[in-house]
Amino acid sequence: MNNLLILQHNEIKTSFEMSLHVVTHTFNSSLYKRLVGVVSKYALMHIVKEFNKIKLIGFDKKKCDCVLRHTHGLPCACELARYVVSVILLNEVYVM
């Protein structure tokens, strides 16, 4: 049983390390340059989805509901609207 847990732990650790270092073309934008290599690909994909919602939501917190901020600690669409022409800062992402 212990060996099985160690094996699963190593697989998860390897998967997470790969998600930090393997960069897809989606994240080559200068918008994500401070997050790539520091934030997992899973978190970056959530940020990309939220960034695509900006056209519908904009800065309106009532339309946004800030669900991603409360559940994952990631910037939601109304917060990402500030970064349309700049770089998303690392302090916008919750540490855990």
Protein backbone atom coordinates (compact mmCIF):
# COMPACT_ATOMS: atom_id res chain seq x y z
CA MET A 1 0.00 0.00 0.00
CA ASN A 2 2.81 2.42 0.89
CA ASN A 3 4.58 1.82 -2.44
CA LEU A 4 1.35 2.56 -4.31
CA LEU A 5 0.95 5.90 -2.50
CA ILE A 6 4.57 6.81 -3.21
CA LEU A 7 4.07 6.00 -6.90
CA GLN A 8 0.89 8.09 -7.11
CA HIS A 9 2.58 10.97 -5.29
CA ASN A 10 5.51 10.88 -7.72
CA GLU A 11 3.14 10.87 -10.72
CA ILE A 12 1.24 13.88 -9.37
CA LYS A 13 4.48 15.71 -8.61
CA THR A 14 5.82 15.01 -12.11
CA SER A 15 2.57 16.16 -13.70
CA PHE A 16 2.62 19.40 -11.72
CA GLU A 17 6.27 20.09 -12.59
CA MET A 18 5.50 19.56 -16.29
CA SER A 19 2.52 21.90 -16.08
CA LEU A 20 4.83 24.61 -14.75
CA HIS A 21 7.44 24.26 -17.48
CA VAL A 22 5.60 23.24 -20.65
CA VAL A 23 4.21 26.36 -22.30
CA THR A 24 1.54 26.25 -24.98
CA HIS A 25 1.05 28.95 -27.61
CA THR A 26 -1.92 30.29 -25.60
CA PHE A 27 0.43 31.60 -22.91
CA ASN A 28 3.04 33.15 -25.24
CA SER A 29 1.24 36.47 -24.97
CA SER A 30 3.01 39.16 -22.96
CA LEU A 31 -0.12 39.25 -20.78
CA TYR A 32 0.91 36.00 -19.05
CA LYS A 33 4.70 36.44 -19.00
CA ARG A 34 4.92 36.88 -15.19
CA LEU A 35 2.73 33.85 -14.52
CA VAL A 36 4.27 31.25 -16.86
CA GLY A 37 6.66 28.98 -14.99
CA VAL A 38 5.29 30.07 -11.62
CA VAL A 39 1.59 29.23 -11.86
CA SER A 40 0.31 25.79 -12.92
CA LYS A 41 -1.14 25.27 -16.39
CA TYR A 42 -4.47 24.36 -14.75
CA ALA A 43 -4.64 27.79 -13.11
CA LEU A 44 -3.53 29.52 -16.32
CA MET A 45 -6.33 27.81 -18.26
CA HIS A 46 -8.86 29.16 -15.75
CA ILE A 47 -7.39 32.64 -16.16
CA VAL A 48 -7.63 32.38 -19.96
CA LYS A 49 -11.31 31.38 -19.71
CA GLU A 50 -12.00 34.33 -17.42
CA PHE A 51 -10.07 36.68 -19.70
CA ASN A 52 -12.32 35.64 -22.59
CA LYS A 53 -15.37 36.70 -20.52
CA ILE A 54 -14.17 40.31 -20.30
CA LYS A 55 -16.03 41.29 -23.48
CA LEU A 56 -19.33 40.36 -21.83
CA ILE A 57 -18.63 41.45 -18.26
CA GLY A 58 -16.09 44.26 -18.32
CA PHE A 59 -15.64 45.88 -14.90
CA ASP A 60 -19.17 45.02 -13.68
CA LYS A 61 -18.83 43.01 -10.44
CA LYS A 62 -22.56 42.18 -10.40
CA LYS A 63 -22.32 40.33 -13.73
CA CYS A 64 -19.04 38.69 -12.75
CA ASP A 65 -19.95 37.38 -9.28
CA CYS A 66 -16.18 36.84 -8.74
CA VAL A 67 -16.65 33.06 -8.47
CA LEU A 68 -13.12 32.18 -9.60
CA ARG A 69 -11.62 34.59 -7.04
CA HIS A 70 -13.59 32.99 -4.19
CA THR A 71 -13.19 29.34 -5.21
CA HIS A 72 -9.67 29.19 -6.66
CA GLY A 73 -7.99 32.42 -5.55
CA LEU A 74 -7.47 33.41 -9.18
CA PRO A 75 -8.36 36.77 -10.73
CA CYS A 76 -11.90 36.90 -12.11
CA ALA A 77 -13.05 38.66 -15.28
CA CYS A 78 -13.82 42.01 -13.65
CA GLU A 79 -10.30 42.08 -12.15
CA LEU A 80 -8.64 40.95 -15.39
CA ALA A 81 -10.31 43.81 -17.26
CA ARG A 82 -7.60 46.07 -15.79
CA TYR A 83 -4.90 44.06 -17.56
CA VAL A 84 -6.16 44.16 -21.15
CA VAL A 85 -3.14 46.19 -22.28
CA SER A 86 -0.58 45.21 -19.63
CA VAL A 87 0.80 42.19 -17.76
CA ILE A 88 -1.12 40.19 -15.14
CA LEU A 89 0.79 40.54 -11.88
CA LEU A 90 1.77 37.51 -9.82
CA ASN A 91 0.27 38.96 -6.63
CA GLU A 92 -3.20 38.63 -8.25
CA VAL A 93 -2.91 34.84 -7.87
CA TYR A 94 -3.42 33.29 -4.44
CA VAL A 95 -0.31 31.43 -3.22
CA MET A 96 -1.99 28.06 -2.74
